[in-house]
Amino acid sequence: MRNNVEKKRQKLINKLIFFSVYNKDDKQLYELSLSKLEYEYKRFKLQNHPHGEFGSIQWI
């Protein structure tokens, strides 16, 4: 069970680093709990959704 949690944490950390939400040298990132990492990733996805307020297709 603990191994699965660590795998999920590492996967989310890698995604947050890949999308430049966090810097890979940011020690704080590695100290976050799984639930906090999930929250940060969901928040990032909502803010950068392609159909959001900015950057969405606009009808003229």
PDB file of N, CA and C in Angstrom:
ATOM      1  N   MET A   1       0.828  -1.189   0.000  1.00  0.00           N
ATOM      2  CA  MET A   1       0.000   0.000   0.000  1.00  0.00           C
ATOM      3  C   MET A   1       0.874   1.255   0.000  1.00  0.00           C
ATOM      4  N   ARG A   2       1.876   1.290   0.853  1.00  0.00           N
ATOM      5  CA  ARG A   2       2.744   2.461   0.959  1.00  0.00           C
ATOM      6  C   ARG A   2       3.515   2.683  -0.341  1.00  0.00           C
ATOM      7  N   ASN A   3       3.896   1.592  -0.988  1.00  0.00           N
ATOM      8  CA  ASN A   3       4.624   1.684  -2.250  1.00  0.00           C
ATOM      9  C   ASN A   3       3.768   2.356  -3.322  1.00  0.00           C
ATOM     10  N   ASN A   4       2.457   2.041  -3.351  1.00  0.00           N
ATOM     11  CA  ASN A   4       1.552   2.668  -4.316  1.00  0.00           C
ATOM     12  C   ASN A   4       1.417   4.159  -4.078  1.00  0.00           C
ATOM     13  N   VAL A   5       1.357   4.550  -2.824  1.00  0.00           N
ATOM     14  CA  VAL A   5       1.261   5.971  -2.472  1.00  0.00           C
ATOM     15  C   VAL A   5       2.520   6.699  -2.947  1.00  0.00           C
ATOM     16  N   GLU A   6       3.669   6.106  -2.704  1.00  0.00           N
ATOM     17  CA  GLU A   6       4.929   6.728  -3.132  1.00  0.00           C
ATOM     18  C   GLU A   6       5.018   6.832  -4.653  1.00  0.00           C
ATOM     19  N   LYS A   7       4.515   5.830  -5.357  1.00  0.00           N
ATOM     20  CA  LYS A   7       4.514   5.881  -6.827  1.00  0.00           C
ATOM     21  C   LYS A   7       3.614   7.004  -7.321  1.00  0.00           C
ATOM     22  N   LYS A   8       2.441   7.152  -6.705  1.00  0.00           N
ATOM     23  CA  LYS A   8       1.524   8.232  -7.088  1.00  0.00           C
ATOM     24  C   LYS A   8       2.152   9.592  -6.796  1.00  0.00           C
ATOM     25  N   ARG A   9       2.780   9.715  -5.626  1.00  0.00           N
ATOM     26  CA  ARG A   9       3.444  10.975  -5.261  1.00  0.00           C
ATOM     27  C   ARG A   9       4.517  11.323  -6.283  1.00  0.00           C
ATOM     28  N   GLN A  10       5.351  10.347  -6.638  1.00  0.00           N
ATOM     29  CA  GLN A  10       6.440  10.600  -7.580  1.00  0.00           C
ATOM     30  C   GLN A  10       5.907  10.978  -8.957  1.00  0.00           C
ATOM     31  N   LYS A  11       4.832  10.333  -9.374  1.00  0.00           N
ATOM     32  CA  LYS A  11       4.232  10.638 -10.670  1.00  0.00           C
ATOM     33  C   LYS A  11       3.707  12.080 -10.700  1.00  0.00           C
ATOM     34  N   LEU A  12       3.043  12.498  -9.631  1.00  0.00           N
ATOM     35  CA  LEU A  12       2.534  13.864  -9.553  1.00  0.00           C
ATOM     36  C   LEU A  12       3.674  14.877  -9.471  1.00  0.00           C
ATOM     37  N   ILE A  13       4.702  14.544  -8.725  1.00  0.00           N
ATOM     38  CA  ILE A  13       5.873  15.428  -8.635  1.00  0.00           C
ATOM     39  C   ILE A  13       6.485  15.605 -10.013  1.00  0.00           C
ATOM     40  N   ASN A  14       6.638  14.515 -10.755  1.00  0.00           N
ATOM     41  CA  ASN A  14       7.208  14.600 -12.105  1.00  0.00           C
ATOM     42  C   ASN A  14       6.351  15.471 -13.019  1.00  0.00           C
ATOM     43  N   LYS A  15       5.033  15.336 -12.924  1.00  0.00           N
ATOM     44  CA  LYS A  15       4.141  16.151 -13.748  1.00  0.00           C
ATOM     45  C   LYS A  15       4.239  17.627 -13.387  1.00  0.00           C
ATOM     46  N   LEU A  16       4.272  17.932 -12.098  1.00  0.00           N
ATOM     47  CA  LEU A  16       4.360  19.324 -11.665  1.00  0.00           C
ATOM     48  C   LEU A  16       5.688  19.953 -12.075  1.00  0.00           C
ATOM     49  N   ILE A  17       6.737  19.177 -12.073  1.00  0.00           N
ATOM     50  CA  ILE A  17       8.034  19.677 -12.544  1.00  0.00           C
ATOM     51  C   ILE A  17       8.008  19.855 -14.055  1.00  0.00           C
ATOM     52  N   PHE A  18       7.447  18.894 -14.781  1.00  0.00           N
ATOM     53  CA  PHE A  18       7.387  18.948 -16.238  1.00  0.00           C
ATOM     54  C   PHE A  18       6.634  20.192 -16.716  1.00  0.00           C
ATOM     55  N   PHE A  19       5.537  20.518 -16.041  1.00  0.00           N
ATOM     56  CA  PHE A  19       4.732  21.675 -16.431  1.00  0.00           C
ATOM     57  C   PHE A  19       5.232  22.972 -15.800  1.00  0.00           C
ATOM     58  N   SER A  20       6.394  22.932 -15.177  1.00  0.00           N
ATOM     59  CA  SER A  20       7.035  24.105 -14.567  1.00  0.00           C
ATOM     60  C   SER A  20       6.189  24.754 -13.480  1.00  0.00           C
ATOM     61  N   VAL A  21       5.373  23.960 -12.810  1.00  0.00           N
ATOM     62  CA  VAL A  21       4.632  24.471 -11.662  1.00  0.00           C
ATOM     63  C   VAL A  21       5.599  24.618 -10.495  1.00  0.00           C
ATOM     64  N   TYR A  22       6.509  23.678 -10.391  1.00  0.00           N
ATOM     65  CA  TYR A  22       7.561  23.704  -9.382  1.00  0.00           C
ATOM     66  C   TYR A  22       8.899  23.464 -10.063  1.00  0.00           C
ATOM     67  N   ASN A  23       9.938  23.937  -9.432  1.00  0.00           N
ATOM     68  CA  ASN A  23      11.301  23.689  -9.884  1.00  0.00           C
ATOM     69  C   ASN A  23      11.756  22.365  -9.285  1.00  0.00           C
ATOM     70  N   LYS A  24      12.534  21.578 -10.027  1.00  0.00           N
ATOM     71  CA  LYS A  24      12.951  20.280  -9.503  1.00  0.00           C
ATOM     72  C   LYS A  24      13.860  20.409  -8.286  1.00  0.00           C
ATOM     73  N   ASP A  25      14.463  21.567  -8.089  1.00  0.00           N
ATOM     74  CA  ASP A  25      15.311  21.785  -6.926  1.00  0.00           C
ATOM     75  C   ASP A  25      14.534  22.294  -5.717  1.00  0.00           C
ATOM     76  N   ASP A  26      13.234  22.459  -5.866  1.00  0.00           N
ATOM     77  CA  ASP A  26      12.403  22.966  -4.783  1.00  0.00           C
ATOM     78  C   ASP A  26      12.173  21.864  -3.757  1.00  0.00           C
ATOM     79  N   LYS A  27      12.834  21.969  -2.639  1.00  0.00           N
ATOM     80  CA  LYS A  27      12.752  20.946  -1.598  1.00  0.00           C
ATOM     81  C   LYS A  27      11.335  20.810  -1.059  1.00  0.00           C
ATOM     82  N   GLN A  28      10.582  21.901  -1.029  1.00  0.00           N
ATOM     83  CA  GLN A  28       9.221  21.892  -0.505  1.00  0.00           C
ATOM     84  C   GLN A  28       8.331  20.911  -1.265  1.00  0.00           C
ATOM     85  N   LEU A  29       8.537  20.803  -2.544  1.00  0.00           N
ATOM     86  CA  LEU A  29       7.731  19.913  -3.378  1.00  0.00           C
ATOM     87  C   LEU A  29       7.809  18.473  -2.885  1.00  0.00           C
ATOM     88  N   TYR A  30       8.971  18.020  -2.517  1.00  0.00           N
ATOM     89  CA  TYR A  30       9.171  16.635  -2.094  1.00  0.00           C
ATOM     90  C   TYR A  30       8.639  16.361  -0.685  1.00  0.00           C
ATOM     91  N   GLU A  31       8.284  17.420   0.027  1.00  0.00           N
ATOM     92  CA  GLU A  31       7.749  17.263   1.379  1.00  0.00           C
ATOM     93  C   GLU A  31       6.223  17.280   1.409  1.00  0.00           C
ATOM     94  N   LEU A  32       5.587  17.559   0.275  1.00  0.00           N
ATOM     95  CA  LEU A  32       4.132  17.630   0.236  1.00  0.00           C
ATOM     96  C   LEU A  32       3.502  16.240   0.318  1.00  0.00           C
ATOM     97  N   SER A  33       2.342  16.183   0.952  1.00  0.00           N
ATOM     98  CA  SER A  33       1.610  14.919   1.043  1.00  0.00           C
ATOM     99  C   SER A  33       0.966  14.609  -0.305  1.00  0.00           C
ATOM    100  N   LEU A  34       0.501  13.379  -0.449  1.00  0.00           N
ATOM    101  CA  LEU A  34      -0.159  12.970  -1.685  1.00  0.00           C
ATOM    102  C   LEU A  34      -1.394  13.833  -1.944  1.00  0.00           C
ATOM    103  N   SER A  35      -2.181  14.078  -0.921  1.00  0.00           N
ATOM    104  CA  SER A  35      -3.403  14.873  -1.107  1.00  0.00           C
ATOM    105  C   SER A  35      -3.078  16.305  -1.533  1.00  0.00           C
ATOM    106  N   LYS A  36      -2.024  16.883  -0.988  1.00  0.00           N
ATOM    107  CA  LYS A  36      -1.627  18.244  -1.376  1.00  0.00           C
ATOM    108  C   LYS A  36      -1.097  18.256  -2.809  1.00  0.00           C
ATOM    109  N   LEU A  37      -0.347  17.238  -3.201  1.00  0.00           N
ATOM    110  CA  LEU A  37       0.140  17.141  -4.575  1.00  0.00           C
ATOM    111  C   LEU A  37      -1.018  17.000  -5.553  1.00  0.00           C
ATOM    112  N   GLU A  38      -2.014  16.189  -5.180  1.00  0.00           N
ATOM    113  CA  GLU A  38      -3.196  16.034  -6.026  1.00  0.00           C
ATOM    114  C   GLU A  38      -3.931  17.361  -6.168  1.00  0.00           C
ATOM    115  N   TYR A  39      -4.049  18.093  -5.070  1.00  0.00           N
ATOM    116  CA  TYR A  39      -4.695  19.404  -5.098  1.00  0.00           C
ATOM    117  C   TYR A  39      -3.949  20.370  -6.022  1.00  0.00           C
ATOM    118  N   GLU A  40      -2.634  20.420  -5.892  1.00  0.00           N
ATOM    119  CA  GLU A  40      -1.822  21.311  -6.717  1.00  0.00           C
ATOM    120  C   GLU A  40      -1.947  20.956  -8.198  1.00  0.00           C
ATOM    121  N   TYR A  41      -1.964  19.679  -8.512  1.00  0.00           N
ATOM    122  CA  TYR A  41      -2.077  19.256  -9.909  1.00  0.00           C
ATOM    123  C   TYR A  41      -3.458  19.587 -10.469  1.00  0.00           C
ATOM    124  N   LYS A  42      -4.507  19.344  -9.698  1.00  0.00           N
ATOM    125  CA  LYS A  42      -5.861  19.682 -10.148  1.00  0.00           C
ATOM    126  C   LYS A  42      -6.013  21.185 -10.334  1.00  0.00           C
ATOM    127  N   ARG A  43      -5.435  21.960  -9.433  1.00  0.00           N
ATOM    128  CA  ARG A  43      -5.497  23.424  -9.536  1.00  0.00           C
ATOM    129  C   ARG A  43      -4.785  23.891 -10.799  1.00  0.00           C
ATOM    130  N   PHE A  44      -3.633  23.305 -11.093  1.00  0.00           N
ATOM    131  CA  PHE A  44      -2.904  23.636 -12.310  1.00  0.00           C
ATOM    132  C   PHE A  44      -3.736  23.316 -13.549  1.00  0.00           C
ATOM    133  N   LYS A  45      -4.343  22.138 -13.579  1.00  0.00           N
ATOM    134  CA  LYS A  45      -5.151  21.729 -14.735  1.00  0.00           C
ATOM    135  C   LYS A  45      -6.334  22.671 -14.939  1.00  0.00           C
ATOM    136  N   LEU A  46      -6.992  23.065 -13.861  1.00  0.00           N
ATOM    137  CA  LEU A  46      -8.130  23.974 -13.985  1.00  0.00           C
ATOM    138  C   LEU A  46      -7.712  25.349 -14.505  1.00  0.00           C
ATOM    139  N   GLN A  47      -6.582  25.844 -14.050  1.00  0.00           N
ATOM    140  CA  GLN A  47      -6.100  27.163 -14.463  1.00  0.00           C
ATOM    141  C   GLN A  47      -5.621  27.164 -15.902  1.00  0.00           C
ATOM    142  N   ASN A  48      -5.213  26.040 -16.421  1.00  0.00           N
ATOM    143  CA  ASN A  48      -4.621  25.973 -17.751  1.00  0.00           C
ATOM    144  C   ASN A  48      -5.442  25.156 -18.731  1.00  0.00           C
ATOM    145  N   HIS A  49      -6.710  24.992 -18.450  1.00  0.00           N
ATOM    146  CA  HIS A  49      -7.591  24.222 -19.325  1.00  0.00           C
ATOM    147  C   HIS A  49      -7.754  24.963 -20.651  1.00  0.00           C
ATOM    148  N   PRO A  50      -7.679  24.285 -21.787  1.00  0.00           N
ATOM    149  CA  PRO A  50      -7.751  24.952 -23.086  1.00  0.00           C
ATOM    150  C   PRO A  50      -9.095  25.616 -23.372  1.00  0.00           C
ATOM    151  N   HIS A  51     -10.123  25.260 -22.647  1.00  0.00           N
ATOM    152  CA  HIS A  51     -11.428  25.876 -22.866  1.00  0.00           C
ATOM    153  C   HIS A  51     -11.758  26.871 -21.772  1.00  0.00           C
ATOM    154  N   GLY A  52     -10.735  27.294 -21.066  1.00  0.00           N
ATOM    155  CA  GLY A  52     -10.930  28.259 -19.998  1.00  0.00           C
ATOM    156  C   GLY A  52     -11.152  29.653 -20.546  1.00  0.00           C
ATOM    157  N   GLU A  53     -11.134  30.604 -19.658  1.00  0.00           N
ATOM    158  CA  GLU A  53     -11.431  31.984 -20.005  1.00  0.00           C
ATOM    159  C   GLU A  53     -10.449  32.565 -21.024  1.00  0.00           C
ATOM    160  N   PHE A  54      -9.168  32.313 -20.853  1.00  0.00           N
ATOM    161  CA  PHE A  54      -8.159  32.847 -21.743  1.00  0.00           C
ATOM    162  C   PHE A  54      -7.652  31.757 -22.662  1.00  0.00           C
ATOM    163  N   GLY A  55      -7.445  32.066 -23.904  1.00  0.00           N
ATOM    164  CA  GLY A  55      -6.893  31.114 -24.840  1.00  0.00           C
ATOM    165  C   GLY A  55      -7.912  30.178 -25.419  1.00  0.00           C
ATOM    166  N   SER A  56      -9.184  30.391 -25.128  1.00  0.00           N
ATOM    167  CA  SER A  56     -10.207  29.513 -25.676  1.00  0.00           C
ATOM    168  C   SER A  56     -10.626  30.006 -27.057  1.00  0.00           C
ATOM    169  N   ILE A  57     -11.309  29.162 -27.774  1.00  0.00           N
ATOM    170  CA  ILE A  57     -11.791  29.521 -29.104  1.00  0.00           C
ATOM    171  C   ILE A  57     -12.899  30.561 -28.942  1.00  0.00           C
ATOM    172  N   GLN A  58     -12.784  31.647 -29.643  1.00  0.00           N
ATOM    173  CA  GLN A  58     -13.747  32.721 -29.565  1.00  0.00           C
ATOM    174  C   GLN A  58     -14.509  32.868 -30.865  1.00  0.00           C
ATOM    175  N   TRP A  59     -15.820  32.945 -30.796  1.00  0.00           N
ATOM    176  CA  TRP A  59     -16.640  33.185 -31.982  1.00  0.00           C
ATOM    177  C   TRP A  59     -16.747  34.682 -32.201  1.00  0.00           C
ATOM    178  N   ILE A  60     -16.522  35.101 -33.437  1.00  0.00           N
ATOM    179  CA  ILE A  60     -16.588  36.539 -33.765  1.00  0.00           C
ATOM    180  C   ILE A  60     -17.856  36.832 -34.501  1.00  0.00           C
TER     181      ILE A  60
END
